[in-house]
């Protein structure tokens, strides 16, 4: 096997039409590669965009969780208010102040 020292030797054997066709093929291959890169980027961005928006099911689930939390908070508030009323009626302030006075 012989190593070519000048790569341009023998190029005149290719016709102008064949050279143009080869250049067109390389150009199209480059365009296809660029298109694949763009499609991959679009696919990646669409996945990220899909995470931003919620589906109907996810929205319903979020609303149900918010409603459940709201119901728990309402129950907690009424329970706390009920306990405060009970403590006030049982004269808890006097018990605390008596206990503090005994430690002084």
PDB file of N, CA and C in Angstrom:
ATOM      1  N   UNK A   1       0.845  -1.167   0.000  1.00  0.00           N
ATOM      2  CA  UNK A   1       0.000   0.000   0.000  1.00  0.00           C
ATOM      3  C   UNK A   1       0.896   1.237   0.000  1.00  0.00           C
ATOM      4  N   UNK A   2       0.552   2.155  -0.837  1.00  0.00           N
ATOM      5  CA  UNK A   2       1.352   3.354  -0.999  1.00  0.00           C
ATOM      6  C   UNK A   2       0.662   4.548  -0.346  1.00  0.00           C
ATOM      7  N   UNK A   3       1.411   5.390   0.344  1.00  0.00           N
ATOM      8  CA  UNK A   3       0.854   6.595   0.962  1.00  0.00           C
ATOM      9  C   UNK A   3       0.933   7.727  -0.045  1.00  0.00           C
ATOM     10  N   UNK A   4      -0.174   8.403  -0.239  1.00  0.00           N
ATOM     11  CA  UNK A   4      -0.197   9.541  -1.151  1.00  0.00           C
ATOM     12  C   UNK A   4       0.396  10.755  -0.471  1.00  0.00           C
ATOM     13  N   UNK A   5       1.284  11.393  -1.140  1.00  0.00           N
ATOM     14  CA  UNK A   5       1.860  12.615  -0.594  1.00  0.00           C
ATOM     15  C   UNK A   5       1.026  13.824  -0.967  1.00  0.00           C
ATOM     16  N   UNK A   6       0.365  13.762  -2.090  1.00  0.00           N
ATOM     17  CA  UNK A   6      -0.477  14.865  -2.531  1.00  0.00           C
ATOM     18  C   UNK A   6      -1.889  14.316  -2.740  1.00  0.00           C
ATOM     19  N   UNK A   7      -2.796  14.751  -1.897  1.00  0.00           N
ATOM     20  CA  UNK A   7      -4.159  14.223  -1.962  1.00  0.00           C
ATOM     21  C   UNK A   7      -4.897  14.702  -3.209  1.00  0.00           C
ATOM     22  N   UNK A   8      -4.409  15.732  -3.853  1.00  0.00           N
ATOM     23  CA  UNK A   8      -5.087  16.260  -5.030  1.00  0.00           C
ATOM     24  C   UNK A   8      -4.724  15.496  -6.302  1.00  0.00           C
ATOM     25  N   UNK A   9      -3.738  14.634  -6.210  1.00  0.00           N
ATOM     26  CA  UNK A   9      -3.383  13.823  -7.382  1.00  0.00           C
ATOM     27  C   UNK A   9      -4.545  12.908  -7.731  1.00  0.00           C
ATOM     28  N   UNK A  10      -4.924  12.896  -8.949  1.00  0.00           N
ATOM     29  CA  UNK A  10      -5.986  12.006  -9.405  1.00  0.00           C
ATOM     30  C   UNK A  10      -7.373  12.590  -9.276  1.00  0.00           C
ATOM     31  N   UNK A  11      -7.510  13.784  -8.723  1.00  0.00           N
ATOM     32  CA  UNK A  11      -8.832  14.390  -8.556  1.00  0.00           C
ATOM     33  C   UNK A  11      -9.439  14.780  -9.894  1.00  0.00           C
ATOM     34  N   UNK A  12      -8.592  15.024 -10.872  1.00  0.00           N
ATOM     35  CA  UNK A  12      -9.128  15.411 -12.179  1.00  0.00           C
ATOM     36  C   UNK A  12      -9.879  14.256 -12.843  1.00  0.00           C
ATOM     37  N   UNK A  13      -9.742  13.050 -12.293  1.00  0.00           N
ATOM     38  CA  UNK A  13     -10.483  11.911 -12.834  1.00  0.00           C
ATOM     39  C   UNK A  13     -11.979  12.027 -12.546  1.00  0.00           C
ATOM     40  N   UNK A  14     -12.342  12.778 -11.479  1.00  0.00           N
ATOM     41  CA  UNK A  14     -13.748  12.952 -11.144  1.00  0.00           C
ATOM     42  C   UNK A  14     -14.328  14.068 -11.999  1.00  0.00           C
ATOM     43  N   UNK A  15     -15.487  13.837 -12.541  1.00  0.00           N
ATOM     44  CA  UNK A  15     -16.127  14.854 -13.377  1.00  0.00           C
ATOM     45  C   UNK A  15     -16.674  15.974 -12.504  1.00  0.00           C
ATOM     46  N   UNK A  16     -16.933  17.109 -13.114  1.00  0.00           N
ATOM     47  CA  UNK A  16     -17.492  18.258 -12.389  1.00  0.00           C
ATOM     48  C   UNK A  16     -18.861  17.905 -11.804  1.00  0.00           C
ATOM     49  N   UNK A  17     -19.638  17.136 -12.553  1.00  0.00           N
ATOM     50  CA  UNK A  17     -20.967  16.726 -12.083  1.00  0.00           C
ATOM     51  C   UNK A  17     -20.849  15.857 -10.831  1.00  0.00           C
ATOM     52  N   UNK A  18     -19.894  14.956 -10.831  1.00  0.00           N
ATOM     53  CA  UNK A  18     -19.689  14.080  -9.680  1.00  0.00           C
ATOM     54  C   UNK A  18     -19.218  14.878  -8.467  1.00  0.00           C
ATOM     55  N   UNK A  19     -18.355  15.863  -8.685  1.00  0.00           N
ATOM     56  CA  UNK A  19     -17.899  16.715  -7.585  1.00  0.00           C
ATOM     57  C   UNK A  19     -19.059  17.505  -6.986  1.00  0.00           C
ATOM     58  N   UNK A  20     -19.924  18.066  -7.854  1.00  0.00           N
ATOM     59  CA  UNK A  20     -21.086  18.826  -7.367  1.00  0.00           C
ATOM     60  C   UNK A  20     -22.029  17.922  -6.580  1.00  0.00           C
ATOM     61  N   UNK A  21     -22.206  16.710  -7.107  1.00  0.00           N
ATOM     62  CA  UNK A  21     -23.100  15.769  -6.423  1.00  0.00           C
ATOM     63  C   UNK A  21     -22.550  15.400  -5.042  1.00  0.00           C
ATOM     64  N   UNK A  22     -21.250  15.170  -4.956  1.00  0.00           N
ATOM     65  CA  UNK A  22     -20.626  14.854  -3.665  1.00  0.00           C
ATOM     66  C   UNK A  22     -20.752  16.034  -2.706  1.00  0.00           C
ATOM     67  N   UNK A  23     -20.554  17.255  -3.212  1.00  0.00           N
ATOM     68  CA  UNK A  23     -20.696  18.444  -2.364  1.00  0.00           C
ATOM     69  C   UNK A  23     -22.134  18.588  -1.880  1.00  0.00           C
ATOM     70  N   UNK A  24     -23.112  18.315  -2.753  1.00  0.00           N
ATOM     71  CA  UNK A  24     -24.524  18.377  -2.353  1.00  0.00           C
ATOM     72  C   UNK A  24     -24.841  17.340  -1.281  1.00  0.00           C
ATOM     73  N   UNK A  25     -24.284  16.152  -1.440  1.00  0.00           N
ATOM     74  CA  UNK A  25     -24.519  15.094  -0.447  1.00  0.00           C
ATOM     75  C   UNK A  25     -23.950  15.502   0.909  1.00  0.00           C
ATOM     76  N   UNK A  26     -22.747  16.063   0.914  1.00  0.00           N
ATOM     77  CA  UNK A  26     -22.159  16.516   2.184  1.00  0.00           C
ATOM     78  C   UNK A  26     -22.984  17.650   2.795  1.00  0.00           C
ATOM     79  N   UNK A  27     -23.473  18.567   1.968  1.00  0.00           N
ATOM     80  CA  UNK A  27     -24.292  19.672   2.453  1.00  0.00           C
ATOM     81  C   UNK A  27     -25.596  19.142   3.071  1.00  0.00           C
ATOM     82  N   UNK A  28     -26.222  18.194   2.375  1.00  0.00           N
ATOM     83  CA  UNK A  28     -27.458  17.610   2.896  1.00  0.00           C
ATOM     84  C   UNK A  28     -27.205  16.823   4.180  1.00  0.00           C
ATOM     85  N   UNK A  29     -26.093  16.112   4.232  1.00  0.00           N
ATOM     86  CA  UNK A  29     -25.754  15.372   5.455  1.00  0.00           C
ATOM     87  C   UNK A  29     -25.567  16.335   6.620  1.00  0.00           C
ATOM     88  N   UNK A  30     -24.926  17.477   6.352  1.00  0.00           N
ATOM     89  CA  UNK A  30     -24.753  18.483   7.398  1.00  0.00           C
ATOM     90  C   UNK A  30     -26.106  19.041   7.838  1.00  0.00           C
ATOM     91  N   UNK A  31     -26.997  19.308   6.880  1.00  0.00           N
ATOM     92  CA  UNK A  31     -28.325  19.826   7.216  1.00  0.00           C
ATOM     93  C   UNK A  31     -29.120  18.813   8.036  1.00  0.00           C
ATOM     94  N   UNK A  32     -29.006  17.546   7.684  1.00  0.00           N
ATOM     95  CA  UNK A  32     -29.701  16.496   8.446  1.00  0.00           C
ATOM     96  C   UNK A  32     -29.159  16.433   9.867  1.00  0.00           C
ATOM     97  N   UNK A  33     -27.851  16.515  10.002  1.00  0.00           N
ATOM     98  CA  UNK A  33     -27.239  16.505  11.335  1.00  0.00           C
ATOM     99  C   UNK A  33     -27.713  17.700  12.151  1.00  0.00           C
ATOM    100  N   UNK A  34     -27.757  18.861  11.517  1.00  0.00           N
ATOM    101  CA  UNK A  34     -28.222  20.069  12.208  1.00  0.00           C
ATOM    102  C   UNK A  34     -29.694  19.931  12.590  1.00  0.00           C
ATOM    103  N   UNK A  35     -30.507  19.362  11.708  1.00  0.00           N
ATOM    104  CA  UNK A  35     -31.928  19.163  11.990  1.00  0.00           C
ATOM    105  C   UNK A  35     -32.107  18.196  13.164  1.00  0.00           C
ATOM    106  N   UNK A  36     -31.311  17.133  13.206  1.00  0.00           N
ATOM    107  CA  UNK A  36     -31.386  16.186  14.324  1.00  0.00           C
ATOM    108  C   UNK A  36     -31.032  16.873  15.638  1.00  0.00           C
ATOM    109  N   UNK A  37     -30.022  17.739  15.596  1.00  0.00           N
ATOM    110  CA  UNK A  37     -29.636  18.463  16.802  1.00  0.00           C
ATOM    111  C   UNK A  37     -30.769  19.378  17.264  1.00  0.00           C
ATOM    112  N   UNK A  38     -31.401  20.072  16.316  1.00  0.00           N
ATOM    113  CA  UNK A  38     -32.519  20.953  16.662  1.00  0.00           C
ATOM    114  C   UNK A  38     -33.700  20.163  17.220  1.00  0.00           C
ATOM    115  N   UNK A  39     -33.998  19.017  16.610  1.00  0.00           N
ATOM    116  CA  UNK A  39     -35.104  18.189  17.100  1.00  0.00           C
ATOM    117  C   UNK A  39     -34.825  17.660  18.504  1.00  0.00           C
ATOM    118  N   UNK A  40     -33.585  17.290  18.764  1.00  0.00           N
ATOM    119  CA  UNK A  40     -33.224  16.828  20.110  1.00  0.00           C
ATOM    120  C   UNK A  40     -33.401  17.953  21.118  1.00  0.00           C
ATOM    121  N   UNK A  41     -33.023  19.167  20.741  1.00  0.00           N
ATOM    122  CA  UNK A  41     -33.190  20.320  21.639  1.00  0.00           C
ATOM    123  C   UNK A  41     -34.671  20.621  21.862  1.00  0.00           C
ATOM    124  N   UNK A  42     -35.477  20.532  20.798  1.00  0.00           N
ATOM    125  CA  UNK A  42     -36.924  20.752  20.929  1.00  0.00           C
ATOM    126  C   UNK A  42     -37.531  19.701  21.845  1.00  0.00           C
ATOM    127  N   UNK A  43     -37.115  18.454  21.685  1.00  0.00           N
ATOM    128  CA  UNK A  43     -37.629  17.373  22.530  1.00  0.00           C
ATOM    129  C   UNK A  43     -37.280  17.629  23.998  1.00  0.00           C
ATOM    130  N   UNK A  44     -36.035  18.053  24.238  1.00  0.00           N
ATOM    131  CA  UNK A  44     -35.600  18.338  25.611  1.00  0.00           C
ATOM    132  C   UNK A  44     -36.414  19.488  26.207  1.00  0.00           C
ATOM    133  N   UNK A  45     -36.623  20.539  25.420  1.00  0.00           N
ATOM    134  CA  UNK A  45     -37.389  21.687  25.910  1.00  0.00           C
ATOM    135  C   UNK A  45     -38.860  21.328  26.117  1.00  0.00           C
ATOM    136  N   UNK A  46     -39.410  20.443  25.279  1.00  0.00           N
ATOM    137  CA  UNK A  46     -40.812  20.060  25.444  1.00  0.00           C
ATOM    138  C   UNK A  46     -41.015  19.275  26.734  1.00  0.00           C
ATOM    139  N   UNK A  47     -40.032  18.466  27.099  1.00  0.00           N
ATOM    140  CA  UNK A  47     -40.120  17.739  28.375  1.00  0.00           C
ATOM    141  C   UNK A  47     -40.109  18.730  29.529  1.00  0.00           C
ATOM    142  N   UNK A  48     -39.230  19.730  29.455  1.00  0.00           N
ATOM    143  CA  UNK A  48     -39.176  20.746  30.507  1.00  0.00           C
ATOM    144  C   UNK A  48     -40.463  21.556  30.553  1.00  0.00           C
ATOM    145  N   UNK A  49     -41.022  21.862  29.381  1.00  0.00           N
ATOM    146  CA  UNK A  49     -42.254  22.642  29.322  1.00  0.00           C
ATOM    147  C   UNK A  49     -43.426  21.841  29.870  1.00  0.00           C
ATOM    148  N   UNK A  50     -43.426  20.537  29.618  1.00  0.00           N
ATOM    149  CA  UNK A  50     -44.500  19.681  30.107  1.00  0.00           C
ATOM    150  C   UNK A  50     -44.534  19.680  31.639  1.00  0.00           C
ATOM    151  N   UNK A  51     -43.366  19.832  32.259  1.00  0.00           N
ATOM    152  CA  UNK A  51     -43.304  19.860  33.719  1.00  0.00           C
ATOM    153  C   UNK A  51     -43.888  21.147  34.288  1.00  0.00           C
ATOM    154  N   UNK A  52     -43.949  22.209  33.471  1.00  0.00           N
ATOM    155  CA  UNK A  52     -44.471  23.494  33.944  1.00  0.00           C
ATOM    156  C   UNK A  52     -45.990  23.454  34.055  1.00  0.00           C
ATOM    157  N   UNK A  53     -46.651  22.852  33.081  1.00  0.00           N
ATOM    158  CA  UNK A  53     -48.105  22.828  33.046  1.00  0.00           C
ATOM    159  C   UNK A  53     -48.631  21.553  33.694  1.00  0.00           C
ATOM    160  N   UNK A  54     -49.773  21.692  34.358  1.00  0.00           N
ATOM    161  CA  UNK A  54     -50.393  20.550  35.021  1.00  0.00           C
ATOM    162  C   UNK A  54     -51.494  19.977  34.142  1.00  0.00           C
ATOM    163  N   UNK A  55     -51.675  18.668  34.198  1.00  0.00           N
ATOM    164  CA  UNK A  55     -52.788  18.039  33.499  1.00  0.00           C
ATOM    165  C   UNK A  55     -54.045  18.233  34.336  1.00  0.00           C
ATOM    166  N   UNK A  56     -55.204  17.893  33.760  1.00  0.00           N
ATOM    167  CA  UNK A  56     -56.475  18.008  34.491  1.00  0.00           C
ATOM    168  C   UNK A  56     -56.431  17.180  35.774  1.00  0.00           C
ATOM    169  N   UNK A  57     -55.906  15.955  35.665  1.00  0.00           N
ATOM    170  CA  UNK A  57     -55.833  15.078  36.838  1.00  0.00           C
ATOM    171  C   UNK A  57     -54.947  15.688  37.917  1.00  0.00           C
ATOM    172  N   UNK A  58     -53.798  16.236  37.505  1.00  0.00           N
ATOM    173  CA  UNK A  58     -52.894  16.850  38.478  1.00  0.00           C
ATOM    174  C   UNK A  58     -53.533  18.078  39.120  1.00  0.00           C
ATOM    175  N   UNK A  59     -54.273  18.856  38.322  1.00  0.00           N
ATOM    176  CA  UNK A  59     -54.950  20.030  38.879  1.00  0.00           C
ATOM    177  C   UNK A  59     -56.014  19.615  39.888  1.00  0.00           C
ATOM    178  N   UNK A  60     -56.777  18.566  39.550  1.00  0.00           N
ATOM    179  CA  UNK A  60     -57.794  18.069  40.480  1.00  0.00           C
ATOM    180  C   UNK A  60     -57.146  17.550  41.763  1.00  0.00           C
ATOM    181  N   UNK A  61     -56.022  16.845  41.617  1.00  0.00           N
ATOM    182  CA  UNK A  61     -55.305  16.328  42.785  1.00  0.00           C
ATOM    183  C   UNK A  61     -54.793  17.474  43.661  1.00  0.00           C
ATOM    184  N   UNK A  62     -54.231  18.514  43.022  1.00  0.00           N
ATOM    185  CA  UNK A  62     -53.751  19.682  43.772  1.00  0.00           C
ATOM    186  C   UNK A  62     -54.908  20.367  44.498  1.00  0.00           C
ATOM    187  N   UNK A  63     -56.050  20.506  43.817  1.00  0.00           N
ATOM    188  CA  UNK A  63     -57.211  21.152  44.433  1.00  0.00           C
ATOM    189  C   UNK A  63     -57.724  20.325  45.607  1.00  0.00           C
ATOM    190  N   UNK A  64     -57.735  18.998  45.451  1.00  0.00           N
ATOM    191  CA  UNK A  64     -58.184  18.125  46.540  1.00  0.00           C
ATOM    192  C   UNK A  64     -57.255  18.260  47.742  1.00  0.00           C
ATOM    193  N   UNK A  65     -55.945  18.308  47.489  1.00  0.00           N
ATOM    194  CA  UNK A  65     -54.993  18.473  48.592  1.00  0.00           C
ATOM    195  C   UNK A  65     -55.199  19.819  49.286  1.00  0.00           C
ATOM    196  N   UNK A  66     -55.449  20.868  48.503  1.00  0.00           N
ATOM    197  CA  UNK A  66     -55.678  22.193  49.087  1.00  0.00           C
ATOM    198  C   UNK A  66     -56.964  22.201  49.905  1.00  0.00           C
ATOM    199  N   UNK A  67     -58.008  21.554  49.395  1.00  0.00           N
ATOM    200  CA  UNK A  67     -59.270  21.484  50.135  1.00  0.00           C
ATOM    201  C   UNK A  67     -59.102  20.698  51.436  1.00  0.00           C
ATOM    202  N   UNK A  68     -58.372  19.580  51.368  1.00  0.00           N
ATOM    203  CA  UNK A  68     -58.122  18.788  52.579  1.00  0.00           C
ATOM    204  C   UNK A  68     -57.333  19.597  53.607  1.00  0.00           C
ATOM    205  N   UNK A  69     -56.319  20.315  53.146  1.00  0.00           N
ATOM    206  CA  UNK A  69     -55.520  21.141  54.051  1.00  0.00           C
ATOM    207  C   UNK A  69     -56.383  22.234  54.676  1.00  0.00           C
ATOM    208  N   UNK A  70     -57.226  22.865  53.854  1.00  0.00           N
ATOM    209  CA  UNK A  70     -58.112  23.914  54.355  1.00  0.00           C
ATOM    210  C   UNK A  70     -59.060  23.356  55.413  1.00  0.00           C
ATOM    211  N   UNK A  71     -59.608  22.169  55.159  1.00  0.00           N
ATOM    212  CA  UNK A  71     -60.514  21.553  56.129  1.00  0.00           C
ATOM    213  C   UNK A  71     -59.784  21.242  57.434  1.00  0.00           C
ATOM    214  N   UNK A  72     -58.545  20.754  57.342  1.00  0.00           N
ATOM    215  CA  UNK A  72     -57.770  20.465  58.554  1.00  0.00           C
ATOM    216  C   UNK A  72     -57.483  21.741  59.335  1.00  0.00           C
ATOM    217  N   UNK A  73     -57.146  22.799  58.619  1.00  0.00           N
ATOM    218  CA  UNK A  73     -56.857  24.074  59.292  1.00  0.00           C
ATOM    219  C   UNK A  73     -58.106  24.635  59.969  1.00  0.00           C
ATOM    220  N   UNK A  74     -59.257  24.517  59.304  1.00  0.00           N
ATOM    221  CA  UNK A  74     -60.510  24.982  59.921  1.00  0.00           C
ATOM    222  C   UNK A  74     -60.804  24.181  61.188  1.00  0.00           C
ATOM    223  N   UNK A  75     -60.583  22.871  61.111  1.00  0.00           N
ATOM    224  CA  UNK A  75     -60.793  22.032  62.287  1.00  0.00           C
ATOM    225  C   UNK A  75     -59.824  22.386  63.400  1.00  0.00           C
ATOM    226  N   UNK A  76     -58.590  22.671  63.042  1.00  0.00           N
ATOM    227  CA  UNK A  76     -57.585  23.038  64.036  1.00  0.00           C
ATOM    228  C   UNK A  76     -57.940  24.354  64.705  1.00  0.00           C
ATOM    229  N   UNK A  77     -58.398  25.323  63.920  1.00  0.00           N
ATOM    230  CA  UNK A  77     -58.764  26.625  64.483  1.00  0.00           C
ATOM    231  C   UNK A  77     -59.925  26.468  65.453  1.00  0.00           C
ATOM    232  N   UNK A  78     -60.955  25.746  65.042  1.00  0.00           N
ATOM    233  CA  UNK A  78     -62.110  25.593  65.941  1.00  0.00           C
ATOM    234  C   UNK A  78     -61.716  24.807  67.190  1.00  0.00           C
ATOM    235  N   UNK A  79     -60.866  23.796  67.036  1.00  0.00           N
ATOM    236  CA  UNK A  79     -60.405  23.021  68.183  1.00  0.00           C
ATOM    237  C   UNK A  79     -59.600  23.905  69.137  1.00  0.00           C
ATOM    238  N   UNK A  80     -58.718  24.737  68.583  1.00  0.00           N
ATOM    239  CA  UNK A  80     -57.899  25.635  69.401  1.00  0.00           C
ATOM    240  C   UNK A  80     -58.765  26.658  70.124  1.00  0.00           C
ATOM    241  N   UNK A  81     -59.719  27.236  69.409  1.00  0.00           N
ATOM    242  CA  UNK A  81     -60.620  28.209  70.048  1.00  0.00           C
ATOM    243  C   UNK A  81     -61.430  27.550  71.159  1.00  0.00           C
ATOM    244  N   UNK A  82     -61.881  26.348  70.919  1.00  0.00           N
ATOM    245  CA  UNK A  82     -62.635  25.610  71.937  1.00  0.00           C
ATOM    246  C   UNK A  82     -61.762  25.370  73.168  1.00  0.00           C
ATOM    247  N   UNK A  83     -60.497  24.978  72.961  1.00  0.00           N
ATOM    248  CA  UNK A  83     -59.584  24.763  74.092  1.00  0.00           C
ATOM    249  C   UNK A  83     -59.335  26.056  74.856  1.00  0.00           C
ATOM    250  N   UNK A  84     -59.167  27.168  74.137  1.00  0.00           N
ATOM    251  CA  UNK A  84     -58.955  28.454  74.809  1.00  0.00           C
ATOM    252  C   UNK A  84     -60.152  28.838  75.676  1.00  0.00           C
ATOM    253  N   UNK A  85     -61.349  28.628  75.146  1.00  0.00           N
ATOM    254  CA  UNK A  85     -62.551  28.928  75.934  1.00  0.00           C
ATOM    255  C   UNK A  85     -62.604  28.059  77.187  1.00  0.00           C
ATOM    256  N   UNK A  86     -62.272  26.788  77.021  1.00  0.00           N
ATOM    257  CA  UNK A  86     -62.289  25.876  78.168  1.00  0.00           C
ATOM    258  C   UNK A  86     -61.272  26.311  79.214  1.00  0.00           C
ATOM    259  N   UNK A  87     -60.062  26.682  78.782  1.00  0.00           N
ATOM    260  CA  UNK A  87     -59.035  27.138  79.720  1.00  0.00           C
ATOM    261  C   UNK A  87     -59.459  28.415  80.426  1.00  0.00           C
ATOM    262  N   UNK A  88     -60.080  29.316  79.695  1.00  0.00           N
ATOM    263  CA  UNK A  88     -60.516  30.567  80.317  1.00  0.00           C
ATOM    264  C   UNK A  88     -61.600  30.304  81.353  1.00  0.00           C
ATOM    265  N   UNK A  89     -62.481  29.378  81.054  1.00  0.00           N
ATOM    266  CA  UNK A  89     -63.549  29.064  81.995  1.00  0.00           C
ATOM    267  C   UNK A  89     -63.017  28.327  83.220  1.00  0.00           C
ATOM    268  N   UNK A  90     -61.916  27.633  83.080  1.00  0.00           N
ATOM    269  CA  UNK A  90     -61.385  26.884  84.220  1.00  0.00           C
ATOM    270  C   UNK A  90     -60.412  27.714  85.048  1.00  0.00           C
ATOM    271  N   UNK A  91     -60.322  28.995  84.761  1.00  0.00           N
ATOM    272  CA  UNK A  91     -59.488  29.924  85.530  1.00  0.00           C
ATOM    273  C   UNK A  91     -58.026  29.490  85.530  1.00  0.00           C
ATOM    274  N   UNK A  92     -57.504  29.144  84.384  1.00  0.00           N
ATOM    275  CA  UNK A  92     -56.118  28.694  84.274  1.00  0.00           C
ATOM    276  C   UNK A  92     -55.123  29.811  84.554  1.00  0.00           C
ATOM    277  N   UNK A  93     -55.517  31.060  84.295  1.00  0.00           N
ATOM    278  CA  UNK A  93     -54.598  32.170  84.562  1.00  0.00           C
ATOM    279  C   UNK A  93     -54.261  32.247  86.048  1.00  0.00           C
ATOM    280  N   UNK A  94     -55.275  32.103  86.854  1.00  0.00           N
ATOM    281  CA  UNK A  94     -55.046  32.184  88.294  1.00  0.00           C
ATOM    282  C   UNK A  94     -54.131  31.053  88.767  1.00  0.00           C
ATOM    283  N   UNK A  95     -54.321  29.873  88.195  1.00  0.00           N
ATOM    284  CA  UNK A  95     -53.469  28.741  88.576  1.00  0.00           C
ATOM    285  C   UNK A  95     -52.010  29.004  88.196  1.00  0.00           C
ATOM    286  N   UNK A  96     -51.790  29.572  87.031  1.00  0.00           N
ATOM    287  CA  UNK A  96     -50.423  29.862  86.590  1.00  0.00           C
ATOM    288  C   UNK A  96     -49.808  30.928  87.469  1.00  0.00           C
ATOM    289  N   UNK A  97     -50.568  31.993  87.726  1.00  0.00           N
ATOM    290  CA  UNK A  97     -50.016  33.080  88.537  1.00  0.00           C
ATOM    291  C   UNK A  97     -49.762  32.628  89.975  1.00  0.00           C
ATOM    292  N   UNK A  98     -50.615  31.761  90.497  1.00  0.00           N
ATOM    293  CA  UNK A  98     -50.380  31.228  91.844  1.00  0.00           C
ATOM    294  C   UNK A  98     -49.108  30.390  91.855  1.00  0.00           C
ATOM    295  N   UNK A  99     -48.909  29.590  90.804  1.00  0.00           N
ATOM    296  CA  UNK A  99     -47.712  28.753  90.714  1.00  0.00           C
ATOM    297  C   UNK A  99     -46.457  29.592  90.606  1.00  0.00           C
ATOM    298  N   UNK A 100     -46.502  30.694  89.861  1.00  0.00           N
ATOM    299  CA  UNK A 100     -45.344  31.575  89.732  1.00  0.00           C
ATOM    300  C   UNK A 100     -45.056  32.289  91.039  1.00  0.00           C
ATOM    301  N   UNK A 101     -46.098  32.650  91.774  1.00  0.00           N
ATOM    302  CA  UNK A 101     -45.912  33.371  93.034  1.00  0.00           C
ATOM    303  C   UNK A 101     -45.252  32.461  94.066  1.00  0.00           C
ATOM    304  N   UNK A 102     -45.527  31.182  94.007  1.00  0.00           N
ATOM    305  CA  UNK A 102     -44.951  30.254  94.961  1.00  0.00           C
ATOM    306  C   UNK A 102     -43.463  30.033  94.736  1.00  0.00           C
ATOM    307  N   UNK A 103     -42.967  30.273  93.541  1.00  0.00           N
ATOM    308  CA  UNK A 103     -41.551  30.051  93.236  1.00  0.00           C
ATOM    309  C   UNK A 103     -40.686  31.260  93.514  1.00  0.00           C
ATOM    310  N   UNK A 104     -41.278  32.393  93.767  1.00  0.00           N
ATOM    311  CA  UNK A 104     -40.480  33.607  93.964  1.00  0.00           C
ATOM    312  C   UNK A 104     -39.879  33.696  95.314  1.00  0.00           C
TER     313      UNK A 104
END
